């Protein structure tokens, strides 16, 4: 496994919070970050915080094992 480092923006996107009276306030949609421990080719453990959507992709591609990500 090669080195895997990803930088994310602070927020995923922007939108509005809409009240019952239809008042709109700005809000930021944040990433659903999960802590994952991966093992590299050299046997060293690497802890990363990745979004849940990327975690699904990493499981699908075999970068992270399914048991390692589940708690």
PDB file of N, CA and C in Angstrom:
ATOM      1  N   UNK A   1       0.836  -1.171   0.000  1.00  0.00           N
ATOM      2  CA  UNK A   1       0.000   0.000   0.000  1.00  0.00           C
ATOM      3  C   UNK A   1       0.886   1.241   0.000  1.00  0.00           C
ATOM      4  N   UNK A   2       0.606   2.166  -0.863  1.00  0.00           N
ATOM      5  CA  UNK A   2       1.359   3.401  -0.904  1.00  0.00           C
ATOM      6  C   UNK A   2       0.859   4.336   0.177  1.00  0.00           C
ATOM      7  N   UNK A   3       1.585   5.429   0.366  1.00  0.00           N
ATOM      8  CA  UNK A   3       1.146   6.385   1.373  1.00  0.00           C
ATOM      9  C   UNK A   3      -0.190   6.985   0.953  1.00  0.00           C
ATOM     10  N   UNK A   4      -1.051   7.177   1.901  1.00  0.00           N
ATOM     11  CA  UNK A   4      -2.412   7.620   1.617  1.00  0.00           C
ATOM     12  C   UNK A   4      -2.711   8.818   2.489  1.00  0.00           C
ATOM     13  N   UNK A   5      -2.593  10.005   1.931  1.00  0.00           N
ATOM     14  CA  UNK A   5      -2.910  11.201   2.699  1.00  0.00           C
ATOM     15  C   UNK A   5      -3.850  12.075   1.879  1.00  0.00           C
ATOM     16  N   UNK A   6      -4.898  12.508   2.512  1.00  0.00           N
ATOM     17  CA  UNK A   6      -5.908  13.306   1.829  1.00  0.00           C
ATOM     18  C   UNK A   6      -6.220  14.508   2.689  1.00  0.00           C
ATOM     19  N   UNK A   7      -6.296  15.680   2.073  1.00  0.00           N
ATOM     20  CA  UNK A   7      -6.702  16.896   2.769  1.00  0.00           C
ATOM     21  C   UNK A   7      -8.115  17.238   2.334  1.00  0.00           C
ATOM     22  N   UNK A   8      -8.939  17.655   3.272  1.00  0.00           N
ATOM     23  CA  UNK A   8     -10.306  18.017   2.992  1.00  0.00           C
ATOM     24  C   UNK A   8     -10.525  19.472   3.339  1.00  0.00           C
ATOM     25  N   UNK A   9     -11.429  20.137   2.627  1.00  0.00           N
ATOM     26  CA  UNK A   9     -11.824  21.482   3.065  1.00  0.00           C
ATOM     27  C   UNK A   9     -12.530  21.400   4.417  1.00  0.00           C
ATOM     28  N   UNK A  10     -12.681  22.525   5.086  1.00  0.00           N
ATOM     29  CA  UNK A  10     -13.303  22.519   6.410  1.00  0.00           C
ATOM     30  C   UNK A  10     -14.755  22.054   6.356  1.00  0.00           C
ATOM     31  N   UNK A  11     -15.486  22.479   5.333  1.00  0.00           N
ATOM     32  CA  UNK A  11     -16.897  22.110   5.224  1.00  0.00           C
ATOM     33  C   UNK A  11     -17.149  21.492   3.864  1.00  0.00           C
ATOM     34  N   UNK A  12     -18.138  20.600   3.809  1.00  0.00           N
ATOM     35  CA  UNK A  12     -18.457  19.924   2.565  1.00  0.00           C
ATOM     36  C   UNK A  12     -19.183  20.859   1.607  1.00  0.00           C
ATOM     37  N   UNK A  13     -20.160  21.602   2.112  1.00  0.00           N
ATOM     38  CA  UNK A  13     -20.892  22.553   1.275  1.00  0.00           C
ATOM     39  C   UNK A  13     -21.650  23.521   2.178  1.00  0.00           C
ATOM     40  N   UNK A  14     -22.275  24.510   1.563  1.00  0.00           N
ATOM     41  CA  UNK A  14     -23.048  25.499   2.295  1.00  0.00           C
ATOM     42  C   UNK A  14     -24.510  25.387   1.911  1.00  0.00           C
ATOM     43  N   UNK A  15     -25.378  25.831   2.798  1.00  0.00           N
ATOM     44  CA  UNK A  15     -26.804  25.808   2.520  1.00  0.00           C
ATOM     45  C   UNK A  15     -27.526  26.700   3.515  1.00  0.00           C
ATOM     46  N   UNK A  16     -28.786  26.429   3.734  1.00  0.00           N
ATOM     47  CA  UNK A  16     -29.593  27.213   4.645  1.00  0.00           C
ATOM     48  C   UNK A  16     -30.299  26.309   5.644  1.00  0.00           C
ATOM     49  N   UNK A  17     -30.453  26.816   6.865  1.00  0.00           N
ATOM     50  CA  UNK A  17     -31.351  26.227   7.833  1.00  0.00           C
ATOM     51  C   UNK A  17     -32.676  26.956   7.669  1.00  0.00           C
ATOM     52  N   UNK A  18     -33.748  26.237   7.430  1.00  0.00           N
ATOM     53  CA  UNK A  18     -35.045  26.857   7.169  1.00  0.00           C
ATOM     54  C   UNK A  18     -35.974  26.532   8.332  1.00  0.00           C
ATOM     55  N   UNK A  19     -36.487  27.570   8.990  1.00  0.00           N
ATOM     56  CA  UNK A  19     -37.396  27.377  10.119  1.00  0.00           C
ATOM     57  C   UNK A  19     -38.815  27.141   9.622  1.00  0.00           C
ATOM     58  N   UNK A  20     -39.699  26.883  10.553  1.00  0.00           N
ATOM     59  CA  UNK A  20     -41.100  26.655  10.203  1.00  0.00           C
ATOM     60  C   UNK A  20     -41.714  27.906   9.566  1.00  0.00           C
ATOM     61  N   UNK A  21     -41.222  29.078   9.979  1.00  0.00           N
ATOM     62  CA  UNK A  21     -41.709  30.351   9.429  1.00  0.00           C
ATOM     63  C   UNK A  21     -40.973  30.728   8.150  1.00  0.00           C
ATOM     64  N   UNK A  22     -40.193  29.791   7.612  1.00  0.00           N
ATOM     65  CA  UNK A  22     -39.440  29.971   6.361  1.00  0.00           C
ATOM     66  C   UNK A  22     -38.325  31.016   6.468  1.00  0.00           C
ATOM     67  N   UNK A  23     -37.863  31.278   7.692  1.00  0.00           N
ATOM     68  CA  UNK A  23     -36.688  32.133   7.850  1.00  0.00           C
ATOM     69  C   UNK A  23     -35.458  31.319   7.486  1.00  0.00           C
ATOM     70  N   UNK A  24     -34.557  31.904   6.748  1.00  0.00           N
ATOM     71  CA  UNK A  24     -33.372  31.186   6.290  1.00  0.00           C
ATOM     72  C   UNK A  24     -32.120  31.745   6.943  1.00  0.00           C
ATOM     73  N   UNK A  25     -31.311  30.820   7.475  1.00  0.00           N
ATOM     74  CA  UNK A  25     -30.010  31.180   8.047  1.00  0.00           C
ATOM     75  C   UNK A  25     -28.956  30.348   7.352  1.00  0.00           C
ATOM     76  N   UNK A  26     -27.770  30.923   7.175  1.00  0.00           N
ATOM     77  CA  UNK A  26     -26.676  30.184   6.551  1.00  0.00           C
ATOM     78  C   UNK A  26     -26.182  29.094   7.484  1.00  0.00           C
ATOM     79  N   UNK A  27     -25.819  27.974   6.904  1.00  0.00           N
ATOM     80  CA  UNK A  27     -25.216  26.893   7.674  1.00  0.00           C
ATOM     81  C   UNK A  27     -24.217  26.173   6.795  1.00  0.00           C
ATOM     82  N   UNK A  28     -23.331  25.442   7.436  1.00  0.00           N
ATOM     83  CA  UNK A  28     -22.323  24.664   6.715  1.00  0.00           C
ATOM     84  C   UNK A  28     -22.567  23.191   6.974  1.00  0.00           C
ATOM     85  N   UNK A  29     -22.582  22.409   5.909  1.00  0.00           N
ATOM     86  CA  UNK A  29     -22.682  20.967   6.033  1.00  0.00           C
ATOM     87  C   UNK A  29     -21.279  20.435   6.234  1.00  0.00           C
ATOM     88  N   UNK A  30     -21.041  19.754   7.338  1.00  0.00           N
ATOM     89  CA  UNK A  30     -19.703  19.261   7.660  1.00  0.00           C
ATOM     90  C   UNK A  30     -19.572  17.790   7.295  1.00  0.00           C
ATOM     91  N   UNK A  31     -18.333  17.337   7.186  1.00  0.00           N
ATOM     92  CA  UNK A  31     -18.074  15.949   6.851  1.00  0.00           C
ATOM     93  C   UNK A  31     -18.371  15.046   8.044  1.00  0.00           C
ATOM     94  N   UNK A  32     -18.783  13.820   7.770  1.00  0.00           N
ATOM     95  CA  UNK A  32     -19.014  12.809   8.788  1.00  0.00           C
ATOM     96  C   UNK A  32     -17.698  12.042   8.948  1.00  0.00           C
ATOM     97  N   UNK A  33     -16.779  12.577   9.756  1.00  0.00           N
ATOM     98  CA  UNK A  33     -15.443  12.005   9.875  1.00  0.00           C
ATOM     99  C   UNK A  33     -15.439  10.796  10.805  1.00  0.00           C
ATOM    100  N   UNK A  34     -14.753   9.752  10.371  1.00  0.00           N
ATOM    101  CA  UNK A  34     -14.596   8.524  11.139  1.00  0.00           C
ATOM    102  C   UNK A  34     -13.102   8.247  11.299  1.00  0.00           C
ATOM    103  N   UNK A  35     -12.701   7.747  12.452  1.00  0.00           N
ATOM    104  CA  UNK A  35     -11.307   7.389  12.681  1.00  0.00           C
ATOM    105  C   UNK A  35     -11.099   5.944  12.259  1.00  0.00           C
ATOM    106  N   UNK A  36     -10.093   5.723  11.409  1.00  0.00           N
ATOM    107  CA  UNK A  36      -9.819   4.400  10.859  1.00  0.00           C
ATOM    108  C   UNK A  36      -8.357   4.081  11.092  1.00  0.00           C
ATOM    109  N   UNK A  37      -8.055   2.856  11.480  1.00  0.00           N
ATOM    110  CA  UNK A  37      -6.680   2.392  11.623  1.00  0.00           C
ATOM    111  C   UNK A  37      -6.372   1.460  10.464  1.00  0.00           C
ATOM    112  N   UNK A  38      -5.329   1.804   9.713  1.00  0.00           N
ATOM    113  CA  UNK A  38      -4.911   0.984   8.586  1.00  0.00           C
ATOM    114  C   UNK A  38      -3.522   0.448   8.866  1.00  0.00           C
ATOM    115  N   UNK A  39      -3.195  -0.670   8.254  1.00  0.00           N
ATOM    116  CA  UNK A  39      -1.875  -1.266   8.395  1.00  0.00           C
ATOM    117  C   UNK A  39      -1.183  -1.167   7.047  1.00  0.00           C
ATOM    118  N   UNK A  40       0.019  -0.586   7.041  1.00  0.00           N
ATOM    119  CA  UNK A  40       0.773  -0.430   5.808  1.00  0.00           C
ATOM    120  C   UNK A  40       1.524  -1.693   5.440  1.00  0.00           C
ATOM    121  N   UNK A  41       2.237  -1.640   4.317  1.00  0.00           N
ATOM    122  CA  UNK A  41       3.018  -2.786   3.870  1.00  0.00           C
ATOM    123  C   UNK A  41       4.142  -3.126   4.849  1.00  0.00           C
ATOM    124  N   UNK A  42       4.675  -2.098   5.503  1.00  0.00           N
ATOM    125  CA  UNK A  42       5.758  -2.321   6.451  1.00  0.00           C
ATOM    126  C   UNK A  42       5.265  -2.775   7.821  1.00  0.00           C
ATOM    127  N   UNK A  43       3.964  -2.902   7.999  1.00  0.00           N
ATOM    128  CA  UNK A  43       3.404  -3.388   9.251  1.00  0.00           C
ATOM    129  C   UNK A  43       3.082  -2.294  10.250  1.00  0.00           C
ATOM    130  N   UNK A  44       3.356  -1.039   9.926  1.00  0.00           N
ATOM    131  CA  UNK A  44       3.065   0.063  10.837  1.00  0.00           C
ATOM    132  C   UNK A  44       1.586   0.429  10.748  1.00  0.00           C
ATOM    133  N   UNK A  45       1.019   0.748  11.916  1.00  0.00           N
ATOM    134  CA  UNK A  45      -0.367   1.170  11.961  1.00  0.00           C
ATOM    135  C   UNK A  45      -0.446   2.663  11.673  1.00  0.00           C
ATOM    136  N   UNK A  46      -1.446   3.034  10.912  1.00  0.00           N
ATOM    137  CA  UNK A  46      -1.642   4.421  10.531  1.00  0.00           C
ATOM    138  C   UNK A  46      -3.077   4.797  10.854  1.00  0.00           C
ATOM    139  N   UNK A  47      -3.259   5.802  11.730  1.00  0.00           N
ATOM    140  CA  UNK A  47      -4.590   6.266  12.087  1.00  0.00           C
ATOM    141  C   UNK A  47      -4.940   7.457  11.222  1.00  0.00           C
ATOM    142  N   UNK A  48      -6.136   7.405  10.646  1.00  0.00           N
ATOM    143  CA  UNK A  48      -6.591   8.494   9.787  1.00  0.00           C
ATOM    144  C   UNK A  48      -8.033   8.829  10.114  1.00  0.00           C
ATOM    145  N   UNK A  49      -8.396  10.071   9.829  1.00  0.00           N
ATOM    146  CA  UNK A  49      -9.793  10.488   9.923  1.00  0.00           C
ATOM    147  C   UNK A  49     -10.281  10.738   8.516  1.00  0.00           C
ATOM    148  N   UNK A  50     -11.234   9.940   8.084  1.00  0.00           N
ATOM    149  CA  UNK A  50     -11.742  10.039   6.718  1.00  0.00           C
ATOM    150  C   UNK A  50     -13.261  10.175   6.757  1.00  0.00           C
ATOM    151  N   UNK A  51     -13.845  10.824   5.757  1.00  0.00           N
ATOM    152  CA  UNK A  51     -15.301  10.905   5.691  1.00  0.00           C
ATOM    153  C   UNK A  51     -15.914   9.526   5.469  1.00  0.00           C
ATOM    154  N   UNK A  52     -17.153   9.358   5.902  1.00  0.00           N
ATOM    155  CA  UNK A  52     -17.834   8.074   5.776  1.00  0.00           C
ATOM    156  C   UNK A  52     -17.962   7.646   4.322  1.00  0.00           C
ATOM    157  N   UNK A  53     -18.161   8.583   3.424  1.00  0.00           N
ATOM    158  CA  UNK A  53     -18.291   8.254   2.008  1.00  0.00           C
ATOM    159  C   UNK A  53     -16.980   7.692   1.456  1.00  0.00           C
ATOM    160  N   UNK A  54     -15.858   8.281   1.874  1.00  0.00           N
ATOM    161  CA  UNK A  54     -14.563   7.770   1.419  1.00  0.00           C
ATOM    162  C   UNK A  54     -14.256   6.431   2.070  1.00  0.00           C
ATOM    163  N   UNK A  55     -14.718   6.235   3.300  1.00  0.00           N
ATOM    164  CA  UNK A  55     -14.506   4.970   3.991  1.00  0.00           C
ATOM    165  C   UNK A  55     -15.184   3.829   3.236  1.00  0.00           C
ATOM    166  N   UNK A  56     -16.386   4.075   2.720  1.00  0.00           N
ATOM    167  CA  UNK A  56     -17.078   3.062   1.921  1.00  0.00           C
ATOM    168  C   UNK A  56     -16.264   2.714   0.673  1.00  0.00           C
ATOM    169  N   UNK A  57     -15.695   3.731   0.032  1.00  0.00           N
ATOM    170  CA  UNK A  57     -14.895   3.499  -1.170  1.00  0.00           C
ATOM    171  C   UNK A  57     -13.630   2.729  -0.832  1.00  0.00           C
ATOM    172  N   UNK A  58     -13.005   3.057   0.311  1.00  0.00           N
ATOM    173  CA  UNK A  58     -11.784   2.368   0.713  1.00  0.00           C
ATOM    174  C   UNK A  58     -12.071   0.901   1.030  1.00  0.00           C
ATOM    175  N   UNK A  59     -13.215   0.610   1.659  1.00  0.00           N
ATOM    176  CA  UNK A  59     -13.592  -0.776   1.941  1.00  0.00           C
ATOM    177  C   UNK A  59     -13.821  -1.542   0.639  1.00  0.00           C
ATOM    178  N   UNK A  60     -14.484  -0.888  -0.308  1.00  0.00           N
ATOM    179  CA  UNK A  60     -14.793  -1.522  -1.586  1.00  0.00           C
ATOM    180  C   UNK A  60     -13.523  -1.872  -2.355  1.00  0.00           C
ATOM    181  N   UNK A  61     -12.506  -1.002  -2.284  1.00  0.00           N
ATOM    182  CA  UNK A  61     -11.256  -1.213  -3.002  1.00  0.00           C
ATOM    183  C   UNK A  61     -10.265  -2.050  -2.211  1.00  0.00           C
ATOM    184  N   UNK A  62     -10.582  -2.418  -0.971  1.00  0.00           N
ATOM    185  CA  UNK A  62      -9.714  -3.279  -0.191  1.00  0.00           C
ATOM    186  C   UNK A  62      -8.606  -2.572   0.561  1.00  0.00           C
ATOM    187  N   UNK A  63      -8.672  -1.248   0.664  1.00  0.00           N
ATOM    188  CA  UNK A  63      -7.637  -0.515   1.396  1.00  0.00           C
ATOM    189  C   UNK A  63      -7.826  -0.710   2.899  1.00  0.00           C
ATOM    190  N   UNK A  64      -9.081  -0.746   3.332  1.00  0.00           N
ATOM    191  CA  UNK A  64      -9.419  -0.938   4.745  1.00  0.00           C
ATOM    192  C   UNK A  64     -10.275  -2.186   4.838  1.00  0.00           C
ATOM    193  N   UNK A  65      -9.979  -3.017   5.825  1.00  0.00           N
ATOM    194  CA  UNK A  65     -10.794  -4.215   6.025  1.00  0.00           C
ATOM    195  C   UNK A  65     -12.085  -3.834   6.717  1.00  0.00           C
ATOM    196  N   UNK A  66     -13.122  -4.596   6.479  1.00  0.00           N
ATOM    197  CA  UNK A  66     -14.433  -4.271   7.021  1.00  0.00           C
ATOM    198  C   UNK A  66     -14.455  -4.359   8.528  1.00  0.00           C
ATOM    199  N   UNK A  67     -13.746  -5.317   9.113  1.00  0.00           N
ATOM    200  CA  UNK A  67     -13.745  -5.492  10.567  1.00  0.00           C
ATOM    201  C   UNK A  67     -12.975  -4.368  11.246  1.00  0.00           C
ATOM    202  N   UNK A  68     -11.957  -3.822  10.578  1.00  0.00           N
ATOM    203  CA  UNK A  68     -11.134  -2.784  11.196  1.00  0.00           C
ATOM    204  C   UNK A  68     -11.899  -1.479  11.328  1.00  0.00           C
ATOM    205  N   UNK A  69     -12.819  -1.205  10.435  1.00  0.00           N
ATOM    206  CA  UNK A  69     -13.536   0.052  10.469  1.00  0.00           C
ATOM    207  C   UNK A  69     -14.762   0.004  11.373  1.00  0.00           C
ATOM    208  N   UNK A  70     -15.319  -1.151  11.595  1.00  0.00           N
ATOM    209  CA  UNK A  70     -16.513  -1.268  12.419  1.00  0.00           C
ATOM    210  C   UNK A  70     -16.136  -1.306  13.902  1.00  0.00           C
ATOM    211  N   UNK A  71     -16.948  -0.663  14.712  1.00  0.00           N
ATOM    212  CA  UNK A  71     -16.699  -0.676  16.151  1.00  0.00           C
ATOM    213  C   UNK A  71     -17.907  -1.135  16.885  1.00  0.00           C
TER     214      UNK A  71
END
